[in-house]
Amino acid sequence: MQHAVQAVREVSALIAEIDTAASEPSIGISQIRQALDDIEELTQQNTSLVSHLARSASTLASNADTVAGTMAMFRT
């Protein structure tokens, strides 16, 4: 009887190890998914910032042209 009880304990320990080993890849995949979501969000933010920067650069170039035109009137 002791032998049977010991065998059941060993099987239970093996099942627990299998359960732990099976859940680890799931946790890793979840972490990878979260990292990809974070990268996607940062990419969208960067795209928005680049667009805003391009509009600002265009406005700045226009303002520089206006100032240069105004300064040209004083030179003549």
PDB file of N, CA and C in Angstrom:
ATOM      1  N   MET A   1       0.815  -1.201   0.000  1.00  0.00           N
ATOM      2  CA  MET A   1       0.000   0.000   0.000  1.00  0.00           C
ATOM      3  C   MET A   1       0.865   1.274   0.000  1.00  0.00           C
ATOM      4  N   GLN A   2       1.942   1.241   0.789  1.00  0.00           N
ATOM      5  CA  GLN A   2       2.852   2.395   0.838  1.00  0.00           C
ATOM      6  C   GLN A   2       3.428   2.671  -0.547  1.00  0.00           C
ATOM      7  N   HIS A   3       3.713   1.618  -1.255  1.00  0.00           N
ATOM      8  CA  HIS A   3       4.278   1.769  -2.588  1.00  0.00           C
ATOM      9  C   HIS A   3       3.285   2.483  -3.521  1.00  0.00           C
ATOM     10  N   ALA A   4       2.011   2.154  -3.409  1.00  0.00           N
ATOM     11  CA  ALA A   4       0.977   2.769  -4.236  1.00  0.00           C
ATOM     12  C   ALA A   4       0.827   4.241  -3.884  1.00  0.00           C
ATOM     13  N   VAL A   5       0.864   4.562  -2.594  1.00  0.00           N
ATOM     14  CA  VAL A   5       0.748   5.955  -2.152  1.00  0.00           C
ATOM     15  C   VAL A   5       1.938   6.764  -2.669  1.00  0.00           C
ATOM     16  N   GLN A   6       3.123   6.188  -2.573  1.00  0.00           N
ATOM     17  CA  GLN A   6       4.320   6.871  -3.066  1.00  0.00           C
ATOM     18  C   GLN A   6       4.227   7.092  -4.580  1.00  0.00           C
ATOM     19  N   ALA A   7       3.721   6.130  -5.318  1.00  0.00           N
ATOM     20  CA  ALA A   7       3.582   6.255  -6.761  1.00  0.00           C
ATOM     21  C   ALA A   7       2.586   7.355  -7.113  1.00  0.00           C
ATOM     22  N   VAL A   8       1.503   7.460  -6.365  1.00  0.00           N
ATOM     23  CA  VAL A   8       0.507   8.517  -6.592  1.00  0.00           C
ATOM     24  C   VAL A   8       1.127   9.881  -6.329  1.00  0.00           C
ATOM     25  N   ARG A   9       1.941   9.993  -5.283  1.00  0.00           N
ATOM     26  CA  ARG A   9       2.611  11.271  -4.977  1.00  0.00           C
ATOM     27  C   ARG A   9       3.561  11.661  -6.112  1.00  0.00           C
ATOM     28  N   GLU A  10       4.289  10.699  -6.627  1.00  0.00           N
ATOM     29  CA  GLU A  10       5.220  10.975  -7.709  1.00  0.00           C
ATOM     30  C   GLU A  10       4.472  11.408  -8.972  1.00  0.00           C
ATOM     31  N   VAL A  11       3.372  10.754  -9.259  1.00  0.00           N
ATOM     32  CA  VAL A  11       2.569  11.130 -10.425  1.00  0.00           C
ATOM     33  C   VAL A  11       2.003  12.536 -10.234  1.00  0.00           C
ATOM     34  N   SER A  12       1.545  12.843  -9.038  1.00  0.00           N
ATOM     35  CA  SER A  12       1.021  14.186  -8.750  1.00  0.00           C
ATOM     36  C   SER A  12       2.100  15.246  -8.935  1.00  0.00           C
ATOM     37  N   ALA A  13       3.310  14.947  -8.483  1.00  0.00           N
ATOM     38  CA  ALA A  13       4.419  15.889  -8.650  1.00  0.00           C
ATOM     39  C   ALA A  13       4.739  16.084 -10.130  1.00  0.00           C
ATOM     40  N   LEU A  14       4.719  15.009 -10.896  1.00  0.00           N
ATOM     41  CA  LEU A  14       4.975  15.114 -12.333  1.00  0.00           C
ATOM     42  C   LEU A  14       3.887  15.919 -13.031  1.00  0.00           C
ATOM     43  N   ILE A  15       2.655  15.713 -12.648  1.00  0.00           N
ATOM     44  CA  ILE A  15       1.544  16.484 -13.240  1.00  0.00           C
ATOM     45  C   ILE A  15       1.709  17.961 -12.922  1.00  0.00           C
ATOM     46  N   ALA A  16       2.115  18.278 -11.700  1.00  0.00           N
ATOM     47  CA  ALA A  16       2.333  19.684 -11.318  1.00  0.00           C
ATOM     48  C   ALA A  16       3.454  20.298 -12.156  1.00  0.00           C
ATOM     49  N   GLU A  17       4.525  19.539 -12.388  1.00  0.00           N
ATOM     50  CA  GLU A  17       5.629  20.041 -13.208  1.00  0.00           C
ATOM     51  C   GLU A  17       5.178  20.258 -14.651  1.00  0.00           C
ATOM     52  N   ILE A  18       4.390  19.331 -15.169  1.00  0.00           N
ATOM     53  CA  ILE A  18       3.874  19.471 -16.530  1.00  0.00           C
ATOM     54  C   ILE A  18       2.987  20.697 -16.636  1.00  0.00           C
ATOM     55  N   ASP A  19       2.155  20.916 -15.633  1.00  0.00           N
ATOM     56  CA  ASP A  19       1.266  22.077 -15.625  1.00  0.00           C
ATOM     57  C   ASP A  19       2.072  23.372 -15.629  1.00  0.00           C
ATOM     58  N   THR A  20       3.105  23.423 -14.805  1.00  0.00           N
ATOM     59  CA  THR A  20       3.966  24.612 -14.758  1.00  0.00           C
ATOM     60  C   THR A  20       4.659  24.831 -16.098  1.00  0.00           C
ATOM     61  N   ALA A  21       5.201  23.751 -16.653  1.00  0.00           N
ATOM     62  CA  ALA A  21       5.907  23.858 -17.934  1.00  0.00           C
ATOM     63  C   ALA A  21       4.959  24.267 -19.058  1.00  0.00           C
ATOM     64  N   ALA A  22       3.716  23.824 -18.990  1.00  0.00           N
ATOM     65  CA  ALA A  22       2.753  24.169 -20.027  1.00  0.00           C
ATOM     66  C   ALA A  22       2.317  25.624 -19.933  1.00  0.00           C
ATOM     67  N   SER A  23       2.294  26.191 -18.741  1.00  0.00           N
ATOM     68  CA  SER A  23       1.832  27.576 -18.594  1.00  0.00           C
ATOM     69  C   SER A  23       2.922  28.593 -18.926  1.00  0.00           C
ATOM     70  N   GLU A  24       4.183  28.218 -18.845  1.00  0.00           N
ATOM     71  CA  GLU A  24       5.277  29.150 -19.114  1.00  0.00           C
ATOM     72  C   GLU A  24       5.261  29.690 -20.546  1.00  0.00           C
ATOM     73  N   PRO A  25       5.074  28.857 -21.571  1.00  0.00           N
ATOM     74  CA  PRO A  25       5.010  29.422 -22.928  1.00  0.00           C
ATOM     75  C   PRO A  25       3.840  30.391 -23.095  1.00  0.00           C
ATOM     76  N   SER A  26       2.742  30.094 -22.451  1.00  0.00           N
ATOM     77  CA  SER A  26       1.584  30.983 -22.536  1.00  0.00           C
ATOM     78  C   SER A  26       1.910  32.349 -21.955  1.00  0.00           C
ATOM     79  N   ILE A  27       2.618  32.351 -20.842  1.00  0.00           N
ATOM     80  CA  ILE A  27       3.017  33.617 -20.220  1.00  0.00           C
ATOM     81  C   ILE A  27       3.976  34.368 -21.146  1.00  0.00           C
ATOM     82  N   GLY A  28       4.926  33.640 -21.762  1.00  0.00           N
ATOM     83  CA  GLY A  28       5.872  34.270 -22.684  1.00  0.00           C
ATOM     84  C   GLY A  28       5.172  34.868 -23.889  1.00  0.00           C
ATOM     85  N   ILE A  29       4.208  34.148 -24.435  1.00  0.00           N
ATOM     86  CA  ILE A  29       3.459  34.655 -25.588  1.00  0.00           C
ATOM     87  C   ILE A  29       2.675  35.899 -25.201  1.00  0.00           C
ATOM     88  N   SER A  30       2.114  35.895 -24.012  1.00  0.00           N
ATOM     89  CA  SER A  30       1.366  37.061 -23.534  1.00  0.00           C
ATOM     90  C   SER A  30       2.288  38.275 -23.408  1.00  0.00           C
ATOM     91  N   GLN A  31       3.490  38.058 -22.914  1.00  0.00           N
ATOM     92  CA  GLN A  31       4.444  39.161 -22.777  1.00  0.00           C
ATOM     93  C   GLN A  31       4.878  39.681 -24.148  1.00  0.00           C
ATOM     94  N   ILE A  32       5.067  38.783 -25.092  1.00  0.00           N
ATOM     95  CA  ILE A  32       5.430  39.206 -26.457  1.00  0.00           C
ATOM     96  C   ILE A  32       4.289  40.004 -27.072  1.00  0.00           C
ATOM     97  N   ARG A  33       3.060  39.545 -26.875  1.00  0.00           N
ATOM     98  CA  ARG A  33       1.898  40.252 -27.411  1.00  0.00           C
ATOM     99  C   ARG A  33       1.826  41.669 -26.826  1.00  0.00           C
ATOM    100  N   GLN A  34       2.071  41.791 -25.528  1.00  0.00           N
ATOM    101  CA  GLN A  34       2.037  43.107 -24.883  1.00  0.00           C
ATOM    102  C   GLN A  34       3.144  44.003 -25.434  1.00  0.00           C
ATOM    103  N   ALA A  35       4.332  43.439 -25.640  1.00  0.00           N
ATOM    104  CA  ALA A  35       5.438  44.216 -26.192  1.00  0.00           C
ATOM    105  C   ALA A  35       5.107  44.706 -27.604  1.00  0.00           C
ATOM    106  N   LEU A  36       4.498  43.844 -28.415  1.00  0.00           N
ATOM    107  CA  LEU A  36       4.115  44.259 -29.764  1.00  0.00           C
ATOM    108  C   LEU A  36       3.046  45.345 -29.737  1.00  0.00           C
ATOM    109  N   ASP A  37       2.099  45.234 -28.806  1.00  0.00           N
ATOM    110  CA  ASP A  37       1.086  46.284 -28.659  1.00  0.00           C
ATOM    111  C   ASP A  37       1.736  47.606 -28.278  1.00  0.00           C
ATOM    112  N   ASP A  38       2.727  47.547 -27.372  1.00  0.00           N
ATOM    113  CA  ASP A  38       3.439  48.764 -26.970  1.00  0.00           C
ATOM    114  C   ASP A  38       4.198  49.372 -28.153  1.00  0.00           C
ATOM    115  N   ILE A  39       4.839  48.523 -28.948  1.00  0.00           N
ATOM    116  CA  ILE A  39       5.566  49.005 -30.127  1.00  0.00           C
ATOM    117  C   ILE A  39       4.606  49.652 -31.114  1.00  0.00           C
ATOM    118  N   GLU A  40       3.449  49.036 -31.311  1.00  0.00           N
ATOM    119  CA  GLU A  40       2.442  49.596 -32.225  1.00  0.00           C
ATOM    120  C   GLU A  40       1.987  50.974 -31.751  1.00  0.00           C
ATOM    121  N   GLU A  41       1.752  51.102 -30.451  1.00  0.00           N
ATOM    122  CA  GLU A  41       1.323  52.400 -29.907  1.00  0.00           C
ATOM    123  C   GLU A  41       2.410  53.451 -30.095  1.00  0.00           C
ATOM    124  N   LEU A  42       3.657  53.083 -29.823  1.00  0.00           N
ATOM    125  CA  LEU A  42       4.760  54.030 -30.001  1.00  0.00           C
ATOM    126  C   LEU A  42       4.933  54.417 -31.468  1.00  0.00           C
ATOM    127  N   THR A  43       4.733  53.463 -32.362  1.00  0.00           N
ATOM    128  CA  THR A  43       4.831  53.752 -33.794  1.00  0.00           C
ATOM    129  C   THR A  43       3.772  54.762 -34.207  1.00  0.00           C
ATOM    130  N   GLN A  44       2.560  54.594 -33.699  1.00  0.00           N
ATOM    131  CA  GLN A  44       1.487  55.540 -34.013  1.00  0.00           C
ATOM    132  C   GLN A  44       1.793  56.924 -33.445  1.00  0.00           C
ATOM    133  N   GLN A  45       2.340  56.960 -32.243  1.00  0.00           N
ATOM    134  CA  GLN A  45       2.707  58.247 -31.649  1.00  0.00           C
ATOM    135  C   GLN A  45       3.810  58.921 -32.465  1.00  0.00           C
ATOM    136  N   ASN A  46       4.799  58.141 -32.888  1.00  0.00           N
ATOM    137  CA  ASN A  46       5.889  58.694 -33.700  1.00  0.00           C
ATOM    138  C   ASN A  46       5.378  59.220 -35.026  1.00  0.00           C
ATOM    139  N   THR A  47       4.450  58.497 -35.632  1.00  0.00           N
ATOM    140  CA  THR A  47       3.866  58.948 -36.894  1.00  0.00           C
ATOM    141  C   THR A  47       3.164  60.284 -36.706  1.00  0.00           C
ATOM    142  N   SER A  48       2.427  60.409 -35.625  1.00  0.00           N
ATOM    143  CA  SER A  48       1.737  61.661 -35.333  1.00  0.00           C
ATOM    144  C   SER A  48       2.731  62.790 -35.098  1.00  0.00           C
ATOM    145  N   LEU A  49       3.797  62.504 -34.365  1.00  0.00           N
ATOM    146  CA  LEU A  49       4.804  63.532 -34.096  1.00  0.00           C
ATOM    147  C   LEU A  49       5.515  63.970 -35.379  1.00  0.00           C
ATOM    148  N   VAL A  50       5.826  63.032 -36.255  1.00  0.00           N
ATOM    149  CA  VAL A  50       6.485  63.373 -37.518  1.00  0.00           C
ATOM    150  C   VAL A  50       5.561  64.235 -38.370  1.00  0.00           C
ATOM    151  N   SER A  51       4.291  63.897 -38.393  1.00  0.00           N
ATOM    152  CA  SER A  51       3.325  64.689 -39.154  1.00  0.00           C
ATOM    153  C   SER A  51       3.244  66.112 -38.595  1.00  0.00           C
ATOM    154  N   HIS A  52       3.192  66.217 -37.285  1.00  0.00           N
ATOM    155  CA  HIS A  52       3.136  67.531 -36.640  1.00  0.00           C
ATOM    156  C   HIS A  52       4.420  68.314 -36.931  1.00  0.00           C
ATOM    157  N   LEU A  53       5.557  67.637 -36.878  1.00  0.00           N
ATOM    158  CA  LEU A  53       6.831  68.287 -37.159  1.00  0.00           C
ATOM    159  C   LEU A  53       6.888  68.780 -38.608  1.00  0.00           C
ATOM    160  N   ALA A  54       6.365  67.990 -39.536  1.00  0.00           N
ATOM    161  CA  ALA A  54       6.361  68.399 -40.948  1.00  0.00           C
ATOM    162  C   ALA A  54       5.498  69.644 -41.145  1.00  0.00           C
ATOM    163  N   ARG A  55       4.322  69.677 -40.480  1.00  0.00           N
ATOM    164  CA  ARG A  55       3.472  70.874 -40.584  1.00  0.00           C
ATOM    165  C   ARG A  55       4.171  72.082 -39.983  1.00  0.00           C
ATOM    166  N   SER A  56       4.840  71.893 -38.847  1.00  0.00           N
ATOM    167  CA  SER A  56       5.553  72.998 -38.195  1.00  0.00           C
ATOM    168  C   SER A  56       6.696  73.501 -39.077  1.00  0.00           C
ATOM    169  N   ALA A  57       7.409  72.582 -39.709  1.00  0.00           N
ATOM    170  CA  ALA A  57       8.512  72.974 -40.593  1.00  0.00           C
ATOM    171  C   ALA A  57       7.988  73.762 -41.785  1.00  0.00           C
ATOM    172  N   SER A  58       6.853  73.342 -42.314  1.00  0.00           N
ATOM    173  CA  SER A  58       6.249  74.057 -43.442  1.00  0.00           C
ATOM    174  C   SER A  58       5.832  75.463 -43.025  1.00  0.00           C
ATOM    175  N   THR A  59       5.230  75.571 -41.859  1.00  0.00           N
ATOM    176  CA  THR A  59       4.818  76.886 -41.348  1.00  0.00           C
ATOM    177  C   THR A  59       6.040  77.765 -41.110  1.00  0.00           C
ATOM    178  N   LEU A  60       7.090  77.188 -40.548  1.00  0.00           N
ATOM    179  CA  LEU A  60       8.313  77.935 -40.288  1.00  0.00           C
ATOM    180  C   LEU A  60       8.944  78.418 -41.595  1.00  0.00           C
ATOM    181  N   ALA A  61       8.961  77.569 -42.607  1.00  0.00           N
ATOM    182  CA  ALA A  61       9.511  77.971 -43.912  1.00  0.00           C
ATOM    183  C   ALA A  61       8.694  79.101 -44.510  1.00  0.00           C
ATOM    184  N   SER A  62       7.383  79.026 -44.388  1.00  0.00           N
ATOM    185  CA  SER A  62       6.511  80.091 -44.898  1.00  0.00           C
ATOM    186  C   SER A  62       6.774  81.399 -44.160  1.00  0.00           C
ATOM    187  N   ASN A  63       6.905  81.311 -42.847  1.00  0.00           N
ATOM    188  CA  ASN A  63       7.183  82.512 -42.053  1.00  0.00           C
ATOM    189  C   ASN A  63       8.545  83.107 -42.418  1.00  0.00           C
ATOM    190  N   ALA A  64       9.524  82.243 -42.667  1.00  0.00           N
ATOM    191  CA  ALA A  64      10.856  82.722 -43.051  1.00  0.00           C
ATOM    192  C   ALA A  64      10.788  83.439 -44.394  1.00  0.00           C
ATOM    193  N   ASP A  65       9.988  82.914 -45.322  1.00  0.00           N
ATOM    194  CA  ASP A  65       9.818  83.577 -46.621  1.00  0.00           C
ATOM    195  C   ASP A  65       9.173  84.952 -46.442  1.00  0.00           C
ATOM    196  N   THR A  66       8.178  85.021 -45.546  1.00  0.00           N
ATOM    197  CA  THR A  66       7.500  86.294 -45.290  1.00  0.00           C
ATOM    198  C   THR A  66       8.479  87.310 -44.703  1.00  0.00           C
ATOM    199  N   VAL A  67       9.295  86.886 -43.752  1.00  0.00           N
ATOM    200  CA  VAL A  67      10.276  87.780 -43.133  1.00  0.00           C
ATOM    201  C   VAL A  67      11.308  88.219 -44.183  1.00  0.00           C
ATOM    202  N   ALA A  68      11.753  87.283 -44.999  1.00  0.00           N
ATOM    203  CA  ALA A  68      12.736  87.633 -46.038  1.00  0.00           C
ATOM    204  C   ALA A  68      12.138  88.638 -47.021  1.00  0.00           C
ATOM    205  N   GLY A  69      10.878  88.471 -47.377  1.00  0.00           N
ATOM    206  CA  GLY A  69      10.219  89.427 -48.274  1.00  0.00           C
ATOM    207  C   GLY A  69      10.091  90.788 -47.636  1.00  0.00           C
ATOM    208  N   THR A  70       9.748  90.807 -46.354  1.00  0.00           N
ATOM    209  CA  THR A  70       9.623  92.084 -45.638  1.00  0.00           C
ATOM    210  C   THR A  70      10.979  92.766 -45.537  1.00  0.00           C
ATOM    211  N   MET A  71      12.014  92.007 -45.234  1.00  0.00           N
ATOM    212  CA  MET A  71      13.353  92.584 -45.132  1.00  0.00           C
ATOM    213  C   MET A  71      13.834  93.113 -46.483  1.00  0.00           C
ATOM    214  N   ALA A  72      13.425  92.462 -47.565  1.00  0.00           N
ATOM    215  CA  ALA A  72      13.833  92.900 -48.906  1.00  0.00           C
ATOM    216  C   ALA A  72      13.277  94.278 -49.209  1.00  0.00           C
ATOM    217  N   MET A  73      12.073  94.595 -48.666  1.00  0.00           N
ATOM    218  CA  MET A  73      11.490  95.918 -48.898  1.00  0.00           C
ATOM    219  C   MET A  73      12.335  96.996 -48.238  1.00  0.00           C
ATOM    220  N   PHE A  74      12.993  96.718 -47.143  1.00  0.00           N
ATOM    221  CA  PHE A  74      13.804  97.705 -46.459  1.00  0.00           C
ATOM    222  C   PHE A  74      15.167  97.890 -47.120  1.00  0.00           C
ATOM    223  N   ARG A  75      15.581  96.915 -47.882  1.00  0.00           N
ATOM    224  CA  ARG A  75      16.893  96.978 -48.517  1.00  0.00           C
ATOM    225  C   ARG A  75      16.857  97.831 -49.788  1.00  0.00           C
ATOM    226  N   THR A  76      15.731  97.980 -50.383  1.00  0.00           N
ATOM    227  CA  THR A  76      15.696  98.719 -51.644  1.00  0.00           C
ATOM    228  C   THR A  76      15.355 100.167 -51.457  1.00  0.00           C
TER     229      THR A  76
END
